[in-house]
Structures are given as C-alpha cells and as structure tokens.
Protein backbone atom coordinates (compact mmCIF):
# COMPACT_ATOMS: atom_id res chain seq x y z
CA UNK A 1 26.03 -0.66 7.15
CA UNK A 2 25.83 -2.21 3.79
CA UNK A 3 26.70 -5.79 3.38
CA UNK A 4 27.67 -6.38 -0.27
CA UNK A 5 29.30 -9.79 0.37
CA UNK A 6 26.46 -11.48 2.18
CA UNK A 7 23.61 -13.16 0.35
CA UNK A 8 20.10 -11.62 0.64
CA UNK A 9 16.93 -13.55 0.18
CA UNK A 10 14.36 -11.29 -1.55
CA UNK A 11 10.66 -12.19 -1.71
CA UNK A 12 8.78 -10.49 -4.67
CA UNK A 13 6.13 -11.43 -6.91
CA UNK A 14 6.30 -8.10 -8.65
CA UNK A 15 6.89 -8.17 -12.54
CA UNK A 16 10.52 -7.38 -13.04
CA UNK A 17 9.51 -5.42 -16.18
CA UNK A 18 7.50 -2.89 -14.04
CA UNK A 19 9.58 -3.05 -11.03
CA UNK A 20 13.23 -3.42 -12.28
CA UNK A 21 14.75 -4.94 -9.21
CA UNK A 22 18.08 -5.45 -11.00
CA UNK A 23 18.43 -1.79 -11.67
CA UNK A 24 17.28 -0.71 -8.06
CA UNK A 25 19.72 -3.05 -6.54
CA UNK A 26 22.72 -2.45 -8.86
CA UNK A 27 25.37 -4.98 -9.70
CA UNK A 28 26.62 -5.76 -6.31
CA UNK A 29 23.48 -6.38 -4.57
CA UNK A 30 21.91 -8.28 -7.53
CA UNK A 31 24.87 -10.56 -7.74
CA UNK A 32 24.04 -11.53 -4.05
CA UNK A 33 20.42 -11.74 -4.30
CA UNK A 34 18.51 -14.99 -4.09
CA UNK A 35 15.07 -14.04 -5.62
CA UNK A 36 11.93 -16.19 -4.90
CA UNK A 37 9.15 -15.10 -7.22
CA UNK A 38 6.65 -16.35 -9.69
CA UNK A 39 7.02 -17.43 -13.40
CA UNK A 40 4.58 -14.69 -14.32
CA UNK A 41 6.84 -11.95 -12.69
CA UNK A 42 9.84 -13.08 -15.19
CA UNK A 43 7.81 -13.06 -18.29
CA UNK A 44 9.41 -10.91 -21.07
CA UNK A 45 12.63 -10.43 -19.11
CA UNK A 46 15.97 -10.77 -20.90
CA UNK A 47 18.25 -13.69 -20.01
CA UNK A 48 20.82 -11.21 -19.07
CA UNK A 49 18.63 -9.68 -16.48
CA UNK A 50 18.01 -13.00 -15.01
CA UNK A 51 21.68 -13.97 -14.90
CA UNK A 52 22.35 -10.85 -12.81
CA UNK A 53 21.00 -12.55 -9.64
CA UNK A 54 22.81 -15.03 -7.77
CA UNK A 55 19.81 -17.52 -7.93
CA UNK A 56 16.16 -17.28 -9.09
CA UNK A 57 13.58 -19.66 -7.99
CA UNK A 58 9.72 -19.69 -8.79
CA UNK A 59 6.86 -21.09 -7.07
CA UNK A 60 3.43 -21.88 -8.52
CA UNK A 61 1.21 -20.77 -5.76
CA UNK A 62 2.90 -17.61 -4.32
CA UNK A 63 0.35 -17.04 -1.61
CA UNK A 64 0.55 -20.52 -0.19
CA UNK A 65 2.29 -21.57 3.08
CA UNK A 66 4.45 -23.96 1.00
CA UNK A 67 6.14 -20.72 -0.33
CA UNK A 68 7.31 -19.71 3.03
CA UNK A 69 8.79 -23.25 3.57
CA UNK A 70 10.77 -22.82 0.25
CA UNK A 71 12.01 -19.48 1.22
CA UNK A 72 13.44 -20.75 4.59
CA UNK A 73 15.04 -23.79 2.54
CA UNK A 74 16.66 -21.31 0.25
CA UNK A 75 17.76 -19.03 2.98
CA UNK A 76 19.62 -21.91 4.72
CA UNK A 77 21.10 -23.23 1.54
CA UNK A 78 22.67 -20.00 0.48
CA UNK A 79 23.46 -18.83 4.04
CA UNK A 80 21.68 -15.45 3.57
CA UNK A 81 22.47 -12.72 6.00
CA UNK A 82 19.49 -10.68 5.26
CA UNK A 83 15.81 -11.17 4.10
CA UNK A 84 13.98 -8.45 2.10
CA UNK A 85 10.53 -7.95 0.62
CA UNK A 86 8.89 -5.58 -1.75
CA UNK A 87 5.08 -5.80 -1.17
CA UNK A 88 2.71 -5.88 1.93
CA UNK A 89 2.03 -9.62 1.84
CA UNK A 90 5.61 -10.58 2.17
CA UNK A 91 6.13 -8.14 5.21
CA UNK A 92 5.19 -10.71 7.83
CA UNK A 93 6.73 -13.65 5.94
CA UNK A 94 9.98 -11.87 5.98
CA UNK A 95 9.85 -11.05 9.47
CA UNK A 96 9.04 -14.75 10.56
CA UNK A 97 12.06 -15.88 8.54
CA UNK A 98 14.38 -13.36 10.12
CA UNK A 99 13.17 -14.53 13.71
CA UNK A 100 13.78 -18.20 12.71
CA UNK A 101 17.24 -17.53 11.44
CA UNK A 102 18.26 -14.78 13.85
CA UNK A 103 18.80 -12.11 11.07
CA UNK A 104 18.42 -8.34 11.44
CA UNK A 105 15.62 -6.22 10.14
CA UNK A 106 11.97 -5.66 11.03
CA UNK A 107 10.73 -8.16 13.71
CA UNK A 108 7.59 -10.09 13.90
CA UNK A 109 6.00 -7.95 16.53
CA UNK A 110 6.54 -4.91 14.34
CA UNK A 111 5.59 -6.61 11.14
CA UNK A 112 2.37 -7.97 12.45
CA UNK A 113 1.45 -4.67 14.30
CA UNK A 114 1.60 -3.06 10.69
CA UNK A 115 -0.31 -5.94 9.04
CA UNK A 116 -2.88 -7.27 11.40
CA UNK A 117 -5.71 -4.40 11.35
CA UNK A 118 -7.17 -5.63 14.77
CA UNK A 119 -3.88 -5.78 16.64
CA UNK A 120 -2.83 -2.46 15.19
CA UNK A 121 -6.08 -0.76 16.46
CA UNK A 122 -5.55 -2.44 19.80
CA UNK A 123 -2.01 -0.96 20.01
CA UNK A 124 -3.05 2.49 18.85
CA UNK A 125 -5.95 2.48 21.25
CA UNK A 126 -3.68 1.77 24.25
CA UNK A 127 -1.26 4.56 23.23
CA UNK A 128 -4.30 7.06 22.87
CA UNK A 129 -4.20 7.52 19.20
CA UNK A 130 -7.62 8.25 17.79
CA UNK A 131 -9.21 5.38 15.98
CA UNK A 132 -12.85 4.31 15.07
CA UNK A 133 -14.61 1.97 17.48
CA UNK A 134 -13.79 -1.60 16.54
CA UNK A 135 -14.20 -5.28 17.38
CA UNK A 136 -12.95 -8.63 16.41
CA UNK A 137 -15.49 -10.55 14.12
CA UNK A 138 -15.29 -14.13 14.54
CA UNK A 139 -19.06 -15.16 14.20
CA UNK A 140 -22.31 -13.52 13.11
CA UNK A 141 -23.20 -12.62 16.70
CA UNK A 142 -20.13 -10.39 16.91
CA UNK A 143 -21.31 -8.49 13.83
CA UNK A 144 -25.04 -8.04 15.11
CA UNK A 145 -23.96 -7.07 18.55
CA UNK A 146 -21.42 -4.45 17.07
CA UNK A 147 -24.16 -2.90 14.77
CA UNK A 148 -26.29 -2.49 17.76
CA UNK A 149 -23.68 -0.52 19.60
CA UNK A 150 -22.60 1.48 16.62
CA UNK A 151 -26.10 2.67 15.75
CA UNK A 152 -24.98 3.46 12.25
CA UNK A 153 -23.02 2.18 9.31
CA UNK A 154 -20.13 -0.12 10.00
CA UNK A 155 -17.22 -1.42 7.83
CA UNK A 156 -16.13 -5.14 7.83
CA UNK A 157 -12.68 -5.87 6.54
CA UNK A 158 -10.08 -8.85 6.48
CA UNK A 159 -7.53 -8.31 9.33
CA UNK A 160 -4.70 -9.08 6.88
CA UNK A 161 -6.24 -7.54 3.76
CA UNK A 162 -4.79 -4.91 1.42
CA UNK A 163 -6.03 -2.64 -1.38
CA UNK A 164 -9.47 -2.61 0.01
CA UNK A 165 -10.17 -6.07 -1.36
CA UNK A 166 -13.12 -7.79 0.31
CA UNK A 167 -14.08 -4.68 2.33
CA UNK A 168 -17.91 -4.11 2.89
CA UNK A 169 -19.61 -1.05 3.98
CA UNK A 170 -22.80 -2.29 5.79
CA UNK A 171 -25.63 0.61 5.97
CA UNK A 172 -28.93 -1.36 5.91
CA UNK A 173 -30.15 -4.82 6.93
CA UNK A 174 -29.75 -6.19 3.33
CA UNK A 175 -26.09 -5.21 3.35
CA UNK A 176 -25.75 -7.49 6.36
CA UNK A 177 -27.47 -10.28 4.67
CA UNK A 178 -25.45 -9.83 1.52
CA UNK A 179 -22.28 -9.93 3.46
CA UNK A 180 -23.01 -13.10 5.34
CA UNK A 181 -24.18 -14.73 2.08
CA UNK A 182 -20.72 -14.21 0.58
CA UNK A 183 -19.27 -16.64 2.90
CA UNK A 184 -19.24 -19.54 0.26
CA UNK A 185 -17.48 -17.53 -2.32
CA UNK A 186 -15.31 -15.36 -0.21
CA UNK A 187 -11.42 -15.41 -0.83
CA UNK A 188 -10.96 -14.90 3.03
CA UNK A 189 -12.45 -17.70 5.19
CA UNK A 190 -15.16 -16.81 7.56
CA UNK A 191 -13.31 -18.07 10.47
CA UNK A 192 -12.08 -16.73 13.84
CA UNK A 193 -9.03 -14.50 13.52
CA UNK A 194 -9.74 -13.48 9.91
CA UNK A 195 -12.15 -10.47 10.12
CA UNK A 196 -12.81 -7.31 12.00
CA UNK A 197 -15.52 -4.68 12.01
CA UNK A 198 -15.30 -0.99 12.81
CA UNK A 199 -17.55 2.07 12.92
CA UNK A 200 -18.03 4.04 9.54
CA UNK A 201 -16.31 7.37 9.74
CA UNK A 202 -17.60 10.41 7.94
CA UNK A 203 -14.91 12.94 6.77
CA UNK A 204 -12.32 13.70 4.08
CA UNK A 205 -10.16 10.71 3.41
CA UNK A 206 -6.24 11.39 3.24
CA UNK A 207 -2.99 9.45 3.15
CA UNK A 208 0.37 10.39 4.45
CA UNK A 209 3.49 8.86 2.87
CA UNK A 210 7.04 8.87 3.91
CA UNK A 211 10.02 7.17 5.82
CA UNK A 212 10.37 6.10 9.29
CA UNK A 213 12.98 4.44 11.49
CA UNK A 214 13.26 3.37 15.21
CA UNK A 215 9.75 4.73 15.91
CA UNK A 216 10.23 8.20 14.34
CA UNK A 217 9.15 9.77 11.11
CA UNK A 218 12.12 10.78 9.20
CA UNK A 219 10.05 12.58 6.40
CA UNK A 220 6.38 12.70 5.32
CA UNK A 221 3.76 14.48 3.35
CA UNK A 222 0.02 14.29 3.41
CA UNK A 223 -2.43 13.95 0.38
CA UNK A 224 -6.10 14.13 0.09
CA UNK A 225 -7.96 11.20 -1.60
CA UNK A 226 -10.99 12.07 -3.92
CA UNK A 227 -13.06 9.68 -2.01
CA UNK A 228 -13.06 6.35 -0.06
CA UNK A 229 -11.16 3.36 -1.22
CA UNK A 230 -13.89 0.93 -0.38
CA UNK A 231 -16.54 3.20 -1.89
CA UNK A 232 -14.47 3.43 -5.05
CA UNK A 233 -14.47 -0.41 -5.46
CA UNK A 234 -18.30 -0.69 -4.51
CA UNK A 235 -19.34 2.14 -6.90
CA UNK A 236 -16.59 1.74 -9.47
CA UNK A 237 -15.59 5.31 -9.36
CA UNK A 238 -12.22 6.90 -10.48
CA UNK A 239 -9.84 7.34 -7.65
CA UNK A 240 -7.35 10.23 -7.22
CA UNK A 241 -5.25 12.08 -4.82
CA UNK A 242 -3.57 15.57 -4.50
CA UNK A 243 -0.86 16.75 -2.06
CA UNK A 244 -2.23 19.35 0.22
CA UNK A 245 -1.16 22.89 0.61
CA UNK A 246 1.09 23.34 3.43
CA UNK A 247 -1.10 26.29 4.73
CA UNK A 248 -4.12 23.89 4.87
CA UNK A 249 -4.46 23.00 8.70
CA UNK A 250 -5.00 19.45 7.78
CA UNK A 251 -1.40 19.10 6.53
CA UNK A 252 0.08 19.79 10.00
CA UNK A 253 -2.57 17.79 11.84
CA UNK A 254 -1.93 14.72 9.55
CA UNK A 255 1.76 14.86 9.94
CA UNK A 256 1.49 14.99 13.68
CA UNK A 257 -0.92 12.09 13.52
CA UNK A 258 1.56 10.08 11.56
CA UNK A 259 4.33 10.62 14.12
CA UNK A 260 2.03 9.63 16.88
CA UNK A 261 0.97 6.50 14.98
CA UNK A 262 4.51 5.42 14.23
CA UNK A 263 5.60 6.00 17.74
CA UNK A 264 2.75 3.87 19.09
CA UNK A 265 3.69 0.67 17.12
CA UNK A 266 6.78 -1.63 17.51
CA UNK A 267 9.46 -0.11 15.61
CA UNK A 268 11.94 -1.33 12.99
CA UNK A 269 15.72 -0.65 13.05
CA UNK A 270 16.17 0.22 9.45
CA UNK A 271 14.36 2.90 7.54
CA UNK A 272 11.23 1.86 5.94
CA UNK A 273 8.48 3.54 3.84
CA UNK A 274 5.17 3.87 5.38
CA UNK A 275 1.74 4.46 4.01
CA UNK A 276 -0.95 5.95 6.50
CA UNK A 277 -4.59 6.54 5.78
CA UNK A 278 -6.74 8.71 7.89
CA UNK A 279 -9.91 10.83 7.98
CA UNK A 280 -10.29 14.59 8.81
CA UNK A 281 -13.57 14.92 10.54
CA UNK A 282 -15.83 17.92 10.05
CA UNK A 283 -14.62 19.31 13.28
CA UNK A 284 -11.03 19.28 11.95
CA UNK A 285 -9.77 16.40 14.08
CA UNK A 286 -7.89 13.48 12.57
CA UNK A 287 -8.61 9.86 13.13
CA UNK A 288 -6.47 6.87 11.82
CA UNK A 289 -7.86 4.30 9.50
CA UNK A 290 -4.72 2.15 9.29
CA UNK A 291 -0.92 2.16 8.48
CA UNK A 292 1.40 -0.08 6.56
CA UNK A 293 5.14 -0.44 6.78
CA UNK A 294 5.58 -0.27 3.01
CA UNK A 295 5.33 2.23 0.23
CA UNK A 296 1.85 3.15 -0.88
CA UNK A 297 0.49 1.47 -3.89
CA UNK A 298 -0.33 2.64 -7.35
CA UNK A 299 1.19 5.90 -8.39
CA UNK A 300 1.73 7.20 -4.77
CA UNK A 301 5.50 6.51 -5.06
CA UNK A 302 5.81 8.23 -8.52
CA UNK A 303 4.29 11.46 -7.18
CA UNK A 304 6.46 11.37 -4.07
CA UNK A 305 9.61 10.94 -6.10
CA UNK A 306 8.77 13.68 -8.44
CA UNK A 307 8.09 15.96 -5.38
CA UNK A 308 10.93 15.01 -3.04
CA UNK A 309 13.45 12.99 -5.32
CA UNK A 310 13.21 9.69 -3.37
CA UNK A 311 11.35 6.61 -4.61
CA UNK A 312 9.94 5.09 -1.48
CA UNK A 313 9.71 1.50 -2.54
CA UNK A 314 13.23 1.61 -3.81
CA UNK A 315 14.51 3.27 -0.69
CA UNK A 316 12.75 0.80 1.68
CA UNK A 317 14.24 -2.06 -0.24
CA UNK A 318 17.86 -0.84 -0.13
CA UNK A 319 17.48 -0.10 3.54
CA UNK A 320 16.57 -3.72 3.99
CA UNK A 321 19.84 -4.59 2.39
CA UNK A 322 21.66 -2.63 4.97
CA UNK A 323 22.31 0.51 2.91
CA UNK A 324 21.96 4.04 4.20
CA UNK A 325 19.28 6.03 2.26
CA UNK A 326 18.92 9.74 1.52
CA UNK A 327 16.28 11.43 3.40
CA UNK A 328 14.43 14.28 1.58
CA UNK A 329 15.55 17.89 2.84
CA UNK A 330 12.60 19.73 1.42
CA UNK A 331 9.68 20.18 3.85
CA UNK A 332 7.30 21.02 1.04
CA UNK A 333 6.67 19.52 -2.45
CA UNK A 334 8.84 20.74 -5.42
CA UNK A 335 6.46 20.39 -7.55
CA UNK A 336 3.16 19.46 -5.93
CA UNK A 337 1.91 16.20 -7.50
CA UNK A 338 -1.28 14.04 -7.70
CA UNK A 339 -2.68 11.21 -9.44
CA UNK A 340 -5.81 9.78 -10.88
CA UNK A 341 -6.76 6.13 -11.60
CA UNK A 342 -9.36 5.49 -14.16
CA UNK A 343 -11.74 2.64 -13.46
CA UNK A 344 -12.97 0.23 -16.31
CA UNK A 345 -16.66 0.22 -17.38
CA UNK A 346 -16.96 -3.46 -18.15
CA UNK A 347 -17.28 -2.56 -21.73
CA UNK A 348 -14.74 -2.23 -24.64
CA UNK A 349 -11.88 0.22 -23.87
CA UNK A 350 -12.29 3.48 -25.83
CA UNK A 351 -10.02 6.08 -24.39
CA UNK A 352 -10.12 9.70 -25.71
CA UNK A 353 -8.16 9.88 -28.95
CA UNK A 354 -4.97 11.85 -29.11
CA UNK A 355 -2.44 13.07 -26.51
CA UNK A 356 -3.75 14.42 -23.17
CA UNK A 357 -3.95 18.23 -23.44
CA UNK A 358 -3.67 18.98 -19.84
CA UNK A 359 -0.13 20.26 -18.94
CA UNK A 360 1.84 18.47 -16.47
CA UNK A 361 0.08 15.11 -17.00
CA UNK A 362 1.82 11.72 -17.62
CA UNK A 363 -0.77 9.23 -18.66
CA UNK A 364 -0.19 5.42 -18.91
CA UNK A 365 -2.78 3.15 -20.30
CA UNK A 366 -3.04 -0.28 -18.65
CA UNK A 367 -5.29 -1.72 -21.41
CA UNK A 368 -5.15 -1.61 -25.10
CA UNK A 369 -7.77 0.20 -27.04
CA UNK A 370 -10.45 -2.22 -28.09
CA UNK A 371 -9.95 -4.58 -25.26
CA UNK A 372 -12.63 -5.69 -22.84
CA UNK A 373 -12.37 -3.92 -19.56
CA UNK A 374 -13.48 -5.07 -16.11
CA UNK A 375 -14.80 -2.87 -13.19
CA UNK A 376 -12.54 -2.20 -10.12
CA UNK A 377 -11.99 -5.31 -8.09
CA UNK A 378 -9.86 -3.49 -5.62
CA UNK A 379 -8.46 0.06 -5.00
CA UNK A 380 -5.58 -0.64 -7.15
CA UNK A 381 -7.60 -1.64 -10.19
CA UNK A 382 -7.32 0.74 -13.32
CA UNK A 383 -7.43 0.93 -17.00
CA UNK A 384 -5.36 3.97 -17.05
CA UNK A 385 -3.24 6.03 -14.65
CA UNK A 386 -2.23 9.55 -14.82
CA UNK A 387 0.48 11.47 -12.51
CA UNK A 388 -0.02 15.15 -12.48
CA UNK A 389 2.42 17.98 -11.40
CA UNK A 390 2.07 21.56 -10.78
CA UNK A 391 3.81 24.46 -9.06
CA UNK A 392 0.94 25.06 -6.58
CA UNK A 393 -1.77 22.99 -4.94
CA UNK A 394 -4.46 25.26 -6.42
CA UNK A 395 -3.00 24.72 -9.89
CA UNK A 396 -2.71 21.00 -9.36
CA UNK A 397 -6.28 20.77 -8.41
CA UNK A 398 -7.47 22.75 -11.59
CA UNK A 399 -5.37 20.24 -13.70
CA UNK A 400 -7.19 17.41 -12.06
CA UNK A 401 -10.61 18.82 -12.93
CA UNK A 402 -9.55 19.40 -16.48
CA UNK A 403 -8.16 15.91 -16.70
CA UNK A 404 -11.12 14.20 -15.50
CA UNK A 405 -13.38 16.29 -17.90
CA UNK A 406 -11.21 15.58 -20.97
CA UNK A 407 -11.33 11.58 -20.08
CA UNK A 408 -15.18 11.66 -19.62
CA UNK A 409 -15.95 13.77 -22.59
C-alpha cells in the first residue's frame, strides 16, 4: 500500500540532474521525502526542484559512518515511516536503520546477504546453487593456502565491493606479490572481514536483470557481456552487452539460475530490482558470480526499459515507498537492446566526428572533445556510452560490431 502522508528518508548520492528523483517520485512523494545526499549531487539543480522535497541535508563524507548517524537523527526528527535508497552502497545502511526504528522494508539479513559476497556464497552453497570454490581472506596465509588448493588462477575481491573496483585476478606468482604490495594504497583495508578469494571461472559472462519479491522472480531477462568486468578494468577494454535470443539455450538456463538464486537468499517483502552475474561454462552449465538487490549499473536500466517498458531503478525506488509497481507482461524483448561503454585512453578525447551512422544507436559522451581522459578505474567508467536496439538478436549483434568499428576507425 502507498503511504503518501508519511515521511520517507531517502539516501542517495546520485546527481539529481542525471537521476531526477523529483520526477520519479512525483509531487506527493517528493513533498514527503527527507533527502540525505551530498553537495555535489545538488550542483546545477534549480531551486524549484530543491524546494519540492520536504527537507534536504548534505554531508561532506558520504561513505563515512557519521552519515549513518545523521540518517538516524533525521529519521527520528521527521518521524519517517519508511527508509529508501537508490544505490548499492546504501542498501545495508537503509536496512540497519529500518531495523533500529522498526520500519517495513528489506531486512538486515536480506540486505547483507545481497551485499556481503562471502555470506552470499555461503548461503548459496548451502542451498545447492552452483558457485565457484571460495574462502574468506583474512591474512596472507589464507591466500597462499587457497591458491595451492585451487591449482589455477584465483580472484580476490572486497566482500562489500561493487563495480569490480579493487578486484584482482592472480594468475602468476608476481600477481600475488603485486596484490599484497597494494596494502598501503588500498581503499579497502587489508583486515579480517574485508576480503574474499575464489577460483577463476572460464566461460561466457552474463547478467540477468529484473524484479523480485518474497523470494520469487517476477520478471527477468538475460544478456551476455562482451567480456569479464575485472578483465575490462585490468586491460582497459570497452565493455558491452547484448540481450540473448530466447532460442539460445543459455537464456532458459540463466533465468532458472536467477530463480534458484533469489529463492536461496533471505527475501524482501516489496518488489526490488535485482542484478545477477553468472557464467555459462563450456559444457553449458551455469554458475553464479554474484547478485545484488538493486538495478544493474550503467546503461542496463535504459536497455531494459526500452525492451520491457519498466525502468528498474525507478520501479525499485517506488516500491520502497510502498507503491505497487507494474510487472512487464512480455516474456521476450520488444525490441532487443544492448549497450557499449567506451574506455578512455589516458590521452586527449577525440571521438569520431559527426553523428553515429549505425541505426538504432543512442550515443552519449561523458567527456568533452579535447578533454584529457583517464583509463577505466572500475567497470562503470566510460568516456561514452551507447544504447543499441534492433528487432532481433542477430541484427543487434551486427550493429554492435558496426558501432565498435566506427568508433575505433
């Protein structure tokens, strides 16, 4: 049930110019929203927009523990009846606040299962969901022992990380040395409880996006990445994705894996977006990489909206407010969509002149021509992003090839 009269505390550091929360929420919800954000997120926003919220407060260091304290103070001051968030880093914060205040929504056990990659794997393993071999990584001995057991490449990642930031693939002895030498400069402390390690999986990498509620998948559709996310950051490659053809056997396999994964983790009572990443191995079997209880990043939501008419991030937010959301009726995409994120070169930005000649492509530059670019620091980094659409998977794949050729040449 919707609750238009009760105040809602919304945690969001997303820029209001790119994520127009006031439009997503509408007048009733905006007028009852207490927004906790950053000064940077409000830059360039008109005063009229800012006045549409019940209250806005900014914090200087959004990722600090002090932000969570201020969130609780605001929640108590304004007697909020719900807590909502718009990005992965706030999922667990919002759940902890709901628990302390006795408010409805995703619980701490559910939120942490979708955030802590080690706990996630432990729960999936217990439920019989296929996952890579894994271990907690609390000291160098843990890493060396796991490498000996794995007898092959391993992947080290922060347990609460996102966007493939700080993920390392260790193939050789010098990779291990390099990782351990990053301790002094790492943004994630080398402390117990912070890291995990798992075996490296060979196979085609995919993502499944959709909506879930009460441990069930309401709607989803799988797509195939053009490569691995960690490899993309490590090698500074372009990253793309295409929705699968429904006749591809991987489509049904991945949809079934998504349902199995969602059923294995603690559920949330409202409809939430989810983003699952998984491999299809050479033998055709699927294995989970990880899952998040929020919409996929980058242009994934744009593609899903074009194909099914629902903006996942928007729908997930309204559901946290108590609204009923529309579930797509179409089982297959209309049209098929994909996307391509172009990496910076570290040199001056010099994109191809003129409009993109490839049909069905919406291209957006993130950097002005002549500006200095940086290489990818995480999987979401890009100097330009293209969303593609076509009437069939085959046509979509051809357009992806044409687009990349035009950009490179």
